[in-house]
C-alpha atoms as a PDB file:
ATOM      1  CA  MET A   1    -220.452  -1.857  46.437  1.00  0.00           C
ATOM      2  CA  THR A   2    -217.904   0.013  44.413  1.00  0.00           C
ATOM      3  CA  ILE A   3    -214.655   1.521  45.538  1.00  0.00           C
ATOM      4  CA  GLU A   4    -214.612   5.280  45.202  1.00  0.00           C
ATOM      5  CA  ALA A   5    -211.546   6.908  43.730  1.00  0.00           C
ATOM      6  CA  THR A   6    -210.486   8.261  47.110  1.00  0.00           C
ATOM      7  CA  ASP A   7    -210.714   4.770  48.642  1.00  0.00           C
ATOM      8  CA  ALA A   8    -208.627   2.957  46.062  1.00  0.00           C
ATOM      9  CA  PRO A   9    -204.885   2.720  46.631  1.00  0.00           C
ATOM     10  CA  GLY A  10    -202.893   4.597  43.998  1.00  0.00           C
ATOM     11  CA  THR A  11    -205.774   6.612  42.517  1.00  0.00           C
ATOM     12  CA  ASP A  12    -205.282   9.843  44.408  1.00  0.00           C
ATOM     13  CA  ARG A  13    -203.133  12.831  43.517  1.00  0.00           C
ATOM     14  CA  ALA A  14    -200.151  11.300  45.329  1.00  0.00           C
ATOM     15  CA  GLU A  15    -199.937   8.399  42.841  1.00  0.00           C
ATOM     16  CA  LYS A  16    -196.466   9.536  41.773  1.00  0.00           C
ATOM     17  CA  LEU A  17    -195.283   8.615  45.283  1.00  0.00           C
ATOM     18  CA  THR A  18    -195.781   4.928  44.512  1.00  0.00           C
ATOM     19  CA  ALA A  19    -192.250   5.126  43.081  1.00  0.00           C
ATOM     20  CA  ALA A  20    -190.870   6.016  46.536  1.00  0.00           C
ATOM     21  CA  PRO A  21    -188.783   3.273  48.185  1.00  0.00           C
ATOM     22  CA  MET A  22    -191.223   2.967  51.112  1.00  0.00           C
ATOM     23  CA  ALA A  23    -193.923   1.882  48.640  1.00  0.00           C
ATOM     24  CA  GLY A  24    -192.199  -1.512  48.616  1.00  0.00           C
ATOM     25  CA  ASP A  25    -192.172  -1.875  52.416  1.00  0.00           C
ATOM     26  CA  ALA A  26    -194.452  -4.704  53.597  1.00  0.00           C
ATOM     27  CA  GLY A  27    -195.475  -2.848  56.746  1.00  0.00           C
ATOM     28  CA  PHE A  28    -196.437   0.250  54.796  1.00  0.00           C
ATOM     29  CA  LEU A  29    -198.354  -1.778  52.203  1.00  0.00           C
ATOM     30  CA  LEU A  30    -200.249  -3.713  54.877  1.00  0.00           C
ATOM     31  CA  ALA A  31    -201.105  -0.492  56.717  1.00  0.00           C
ATOM     32  CA  LYS A  32    -202.245   1.199  53.489  1.00  0.00           C
ATOM     33  CA  LEU A  33    -204.440  -1.758  52.494  1.00  0.00           C
ATOM     34  CA  HIS A  34    -205.853  -1.913  56.015  1.00  0.00           C
ATOM     35  CA  ALA A  35    -206.663   1.797  55.982  1.00  0.00           C
ATOM     36  CA  ALA A  36    -208.476   1.548  52.638  1.00  0.00           C
ATOM     37  CA  GLY A  37    -210.268  -1.617  53.757  1.00  0.00           C
ATOM     38  CA  SER A  38    -211.281  -0.035  57.067  1.00  0.00           C
ATOM     39  CA  VAL A  39    -213.026   2.814  55.287  1.00  0.00           C
ATOM     40  CA  LEU A  40    -215.011   0.326  53.209  1.00  0.00           C
ATOM     41  CA  ASN A  41    -215.694  -1.993  56.160  1.00  0.00           C
ATOM     42  CA  ASN A  42    -216.889   0.759  58.458  1.00  0.00           C
ATOM     43  CA  ARG A  43    -219.137   2.138  55.728  1.00  0.00           C
ATOM     44  CA  ALA A  44    -220.605  -1.330  55.085  1.00  0.00           C
ATOM     45  CA  LEU A  45    -221.024  -2.161  58.780  1.00  0.00           C
ATOM     46  CA  GLY A  46    -222.455   1.225  59.746  1.00  0.00           C
ATOM     47  CA  GLY A  47    -225.949   0.173  58.753  1.00  0.00           C
ATOM     48  CA  PHE A  48    -225.805  -2.443  61.504  1.00  0.00           C
ATOM     49  CA  GLY A  49    -224.496  -0.032  64.127  1.00  0.00           C
ATOM     50  CA  LEU A  50    -221.090  -1.708  63.957  1.00  0.00           C
ATOM     51  CA  LYS A  51    -217.520  -0.745  63.168  1.00  0.00           C
ATOM     52  CA  GLU A  52    -214.600  -3.031  62.401  1.00  0.00           C
ATOM     53  CA  ARG A  53    -213.682  -3.619  66.023  1.00  0.00           C
ATOM     54  CA  SER A  54    -217.203  -4.291  67.273  1.00  0.00           C
ATOM     55  CA  PHE A  55    -217.828  -6.549  64.266  1.00  0.00           C
ATOM     56  CA  SER A  56    -214.615  -8.446  65.073  1.00  0.00           C
ATOM     57  CA  VAL A  57    -215.813  -9.052  68.631  1.00  0.00           C
ATOM     58  CA  LEU A  58    -219.230 -10.126  67.351  1.00  0.00           C
ATOM     59  CA  ALA A  59    -217.579 -12.476  64.836  1.00  0.00           C
ATOM     60  CA  LEU A  60    -215.475 -14.114  67.542  1.00  0.00           C
ATOM     61  CA  ALA A  61    -218.513 -14.435  69.804  1.00  0.00           C
ATOM     62  CA  ALA A  62    -220.410 -16.096  66.935  1.00  0.00           C
ATOM     63  CA  CYS A  63    -217.659 -18.550  65.958  1.00  0.00           C
ATOM     64  CA  GLY A  64    -218.750 -21.293  68.358  1.00  0.00           C
ATOM     65  CA  LEU A  65    -215.407 -21.444  70.191  1.00  0.00           C
ATOM     66  CA  GLU A  66    -216.658 -19.559  73.291  1.00  0.00           C
ATOM     67  CA  PRO A  67    -213.630 -17.267  73.545  1.00  0.00           C
ATOM     68  CA  THR A  68    -212.845 -15.486  76.777  1.00  0.00           C
ATOM     69  CA  GLN A  69    -212.498 -11.731  76.899  1.00  0.00           C
ATOM     70  CA  ARG A  70    -208.732 -12.161  77.373  1.00  0.00           C
ATOM     71  CA  GLU A  71    -208.466 -14.479  74.363  1.00  0.00           C
ATOM     72  CA  MET A  72    -210.347 -11.940  72.271  1.00  0.00           C
ATOM     73  CA  ALA A  73    -208.038  -9.139  73.402  1.00  0.00           C
ATOM     74  CA  GLU A  74    -204.940 -11.179  72.550  1.00  0.00           C
ATOM     75  CA  PHE A  75    -206.278 -12.367  69.182  1.00  0.00           C
ATOM     76  CA  LEU A  76    -207.385  -8.880  68.121  1.00  0.00           C
ATOM     77  CA  SER A  77    -204.247  -7.208  69.542  1.00  0.00           C
ATOM     78  CA  LEU A  78    -206.362  -4.899  71.682  1.00  0.00           C
ATOM     79  CA  ASP A  79    -206.023  -3.828  75.274  1.00  0.00           C
ATOM     80  CA  PRO A  80    -208.364  -5.794  77.576  1.00  0.00           C
ATOM     81  CA  SER A  81    -210.118  -2.547  78.558  1.00  0.00           C
ATOM     82  CA  GLN A  82    -210.957  -1.945  74.885  1.00  0.00           C
ATOM     83  CA  ILE A  83    -212.476  -5.427  74.610  1.00  0.00           C
ATOM     84  CA  VAL A  84    -214.550  -4.849  77.751  1.00  0.00           C
ATOM     85  CA  ALA A  85    -215.931  -1.605  76.297  1.00  0.00           C
ATOM     86  CA  LEU A  86    -216.761  -3.279  72.974  1.00  0.00           C
ATOM     87  CA  ILE A  87    -218.457  -6.214  74.708  1.00  0.00           C
ATOM     88  CA  ASP A  88    -220.363  -3.823  76.999  1.00  0.00           C
ATOM     89  CA  GLU A  89    -221.697  -2.029  73.918  1.00  0.00           C
ATOM     90  CA  LEU A  90    -222.732  -5.253  72.167  1.00  0.00           C
ATOM     91  CA  GLU A  91    -224.198  -6.674  75.373  1.00  0.00           C
ATOM     92  CA  GLY A  92    -226.193  -3.481  75.881  1.00  0.00           C
ATOM     93  CA  ARG A  93    -227.682  -3.985  72.430  1.00  0.00           C
ATOM     94  CA  GLY A  94    -228.594  -7.604  73.268  1.00  0.00           C
ATOM     95  CA  LEU A  95    -226.188  -9.041  70.689  1.00  0.00           C
ATOM     96  CA  VAL A  96    -223.773 -10.910  72.983  1.00  0.00           C
ATOM     97  CA  MET A  97    -223.755 -12.339  76.483  1.00  0.00           C
ATOM     98  CA  ARG A  98    -221.046 -13.142  78.988  1.00  0.00           C
ATOM     99  CA  ALA A  99    -220.937 -16.360  80.970  1.00  0.00           C
ATOM    100  CA  PRO A 100    -218.467 -17.883  83.404  1.00  0.00           C
ATOM    101  CA  GLY A 101    -215.829 -19.983  81.653  1.00  0.00           C
ATOM    102  CA  LYS A 102    -216.176 -23.761  81.759  1.00  0.00           C
ATOM    103  CA  GLN A 103    -212.542 -24.306  82.770  1.00  0.00           C
ATOM    104  CA  ASP A 104    -212.075 -21.121  84.814  1.00  0.00           C
ATOM    105  CA  ARG A 105    -215.252 -19.595  86.187  1.00  0.00           C
ATOM    106  CA  ARG A 106    -213.410 -16.293  86.777  1.00  0.00           C
ATOM    107  CA  ALA A 107    -212.837 -15.964  83.027  1.00  0.00           C
ATOM    108  CA  LYS A 108    -215.840 -14.690  81.106  1.00  0.00           C
ATOM    109  CA  THR A 109    -216.691 -16.305  77.791  1.00  0.00           C
ATOM    110  CA  VAL A 110    -218.575 -14.300  75.192  1.00  0.00           C
ATOM    111  CA  THR A 111    -221.197 -15.748  72.865  1.00  0.00           C
ATOM    112  CA  THR A 112    -223.862 -14.307  70.619  1.00  0.00           C
ATOM    113  CA  THR A 113    -227.540 -14.168  71.397  1.00  0.00           C
ATOM    114  CA  ASP A 114    -230.106 -15.104  68.752  1.00  0.00           C
ATOM    115  CA  ALA A 115    -230.347 -11.415  67.854  1.00  0.00           C
ATOM    116  CA  GLY A 116    -226.548 -11.259  67.660  1.00  0.00           C
ATOM    117  CA  ASP A 117    -226.466 -14.248  65.315  1.00  0.00           C
ATOM    118  CA  ALA A 118    -228.955 -12.546  63.011  1.00  0.00           C
ATOM    119  CA  VAL A 119    -227.029  -9.258  62.950  1.00  0.00           C
ATOM    120  CA  PHE A 120    -223.770 -11.166  62.476  1.00  0.00           C
ATOM    121  CA  ARG A 121    -225.099 -13.030  59.415  1.00  0.00           C
ATOM    122  CA  GLN A 122    -226.309  -9.823  57.773  1.00  0.00           C
ATOM    123  CA  ALA A 123    -223.196  -7.825  58.670  1.00  0.00           C
ATOM    124  CA  THR A 124    -220.952 -10.640  57.396  1.00  0.00           C
ATOM    125  CA  ALA A 125    -222.509 -10.360  53.953  1.00  0.00           C
ATOM    126  CA  ALA A 126    -221.838  -6.612  53.957  1.00  0.00           C
ATOM    127  CA  ALA A 127    -218.262  -7.149  55.194  1.00  0.00           C
ATOM    128  CA  ARG A 128    -217.611  -9.667  52.411  1.00  0.00           C
ATOM    129  CA  GLU A 129    -218.752  -7.113  49.851  1.00  0.00           C
ATOM    130  CA  ALA A 130    -216.409  -4.549  51.390  1.00  0.00           C
ATOM    131  CA  GLU A 131    -213.533  -7.026  51.282  1.00  0.00           C
ATOM    132  CA  ALA A 132    -214.254  -7.774  47.632  1.00  0.00           C
ATOM    133  CA  ALA A 133    -214.186  -4.037  46.882  1.00  0.00           C
ATOM    134  CA  ALA A 134    -210.887  -3.594  48.741  1.00  0.00           C
ATOM    135  CA  LEU A 135    -209.333  -6.491  46.811  1.00  0.00           C
ATOM    136  CA  ALA A 136    -211.058  -5.768  43.494  1.00  0.00           C
ATOM    137  CA  ARG A 137    -207.747  -5.440  41.662  1.00  0.00           C
ATOM    138  CA  LEU A 138    -206.904  -9.050  42.508  1.00  0.00           C
ATOM    139  CA  SER A 139    -208.323 -12.162  40.917  1.00  0.00           C
ATOM    140  CA  ALA A 140    -210.165 -14.572  43.190  1.00  0.00           C
ATOM    141  CA  GLU A 141    -207.088 -16.811  43.130  1.00  0.00           C
ATOM    142  CA  GLU A 142    -204.778 -13.916  44.043  1.00  0.00           C
ATOM    143  CA  ALA A 143    -207.081 -12.832  46.887  1.00  0.00           C
ATOM    144  CA  GLY A 144    -207.008 -16.402  48.219  1.00  0.00           C
ATOM    145  CA  GLN A 145    -203.214 -16.487  47.958  1.00  0.00           C
ATOM    146  CA  LEU A 146    -202.946 -13.170  49.777  1.00  0.00           C
ATOM    147  CA  LYS A 147    -205.058 -14.463  52.662  1.00  0.00           C
ATOM    148  CA  THR A 148    -203.055 -17.689  52.798  1.00  0.00           C
ATOM    149  CA  LEU A 149    -199.775 -15.773  52.915  1.00  0.00           C
ATOM    150  CA  LEU A 150    -201.043 -13.393  55.591  1.00  0.00           C
ATOM    151  CA  ARG A 151    -202.205 -16.322  57.764  1.00  0.00           C
ATOM    152  CA  LYS A 152    -198.826 -18.007  57.248  1.00  0.00           C
ATOM    153  CA  ALA A 153    -196.953 -14.815  58.184  1.00  0.00           C
ATOM    154  CA  LEU A 154    -199.058 -14.435  61.339  1.00  0.00           C
ATOM    155  CA  TRP A 155    -199.439 -18.000  62.587  1.00  0.00           C
ATOM    156  CA  GLY A 156    -197.082 -20.194  60.574  1.00  0.00           C
END
């Protein structure tokens, strides 16, 4: 997968604006990178009937940690009603299933079905290609450092 000129940061007609003071703001830079990455991710995941958010829910369901719907909402910074809608969609497609929680039966855990595992594996490969395209200007070492720093900024 290649990044198109309109997807790559700094390659559009507004490139001169990279000299603006806000171009050094971490929040702006993170939002800009996320926006460019989202375009690539959604394009890559579209062939699986997924978008970034539904893929994120599928990925958490496939991780083996049996997250609850509430844990997913908190981790993904989404409203619980958004998580319910995403899970409903994936459940309707036979990709995930809900079950009562082991510690609190009122809490619903979400796990993948066999079909969900298969879609997740294929979609993960496509998502990795999209990530590589979004970070193509970085070396592998720099991309690793970026991820390490982002994890540290988020979770210490």
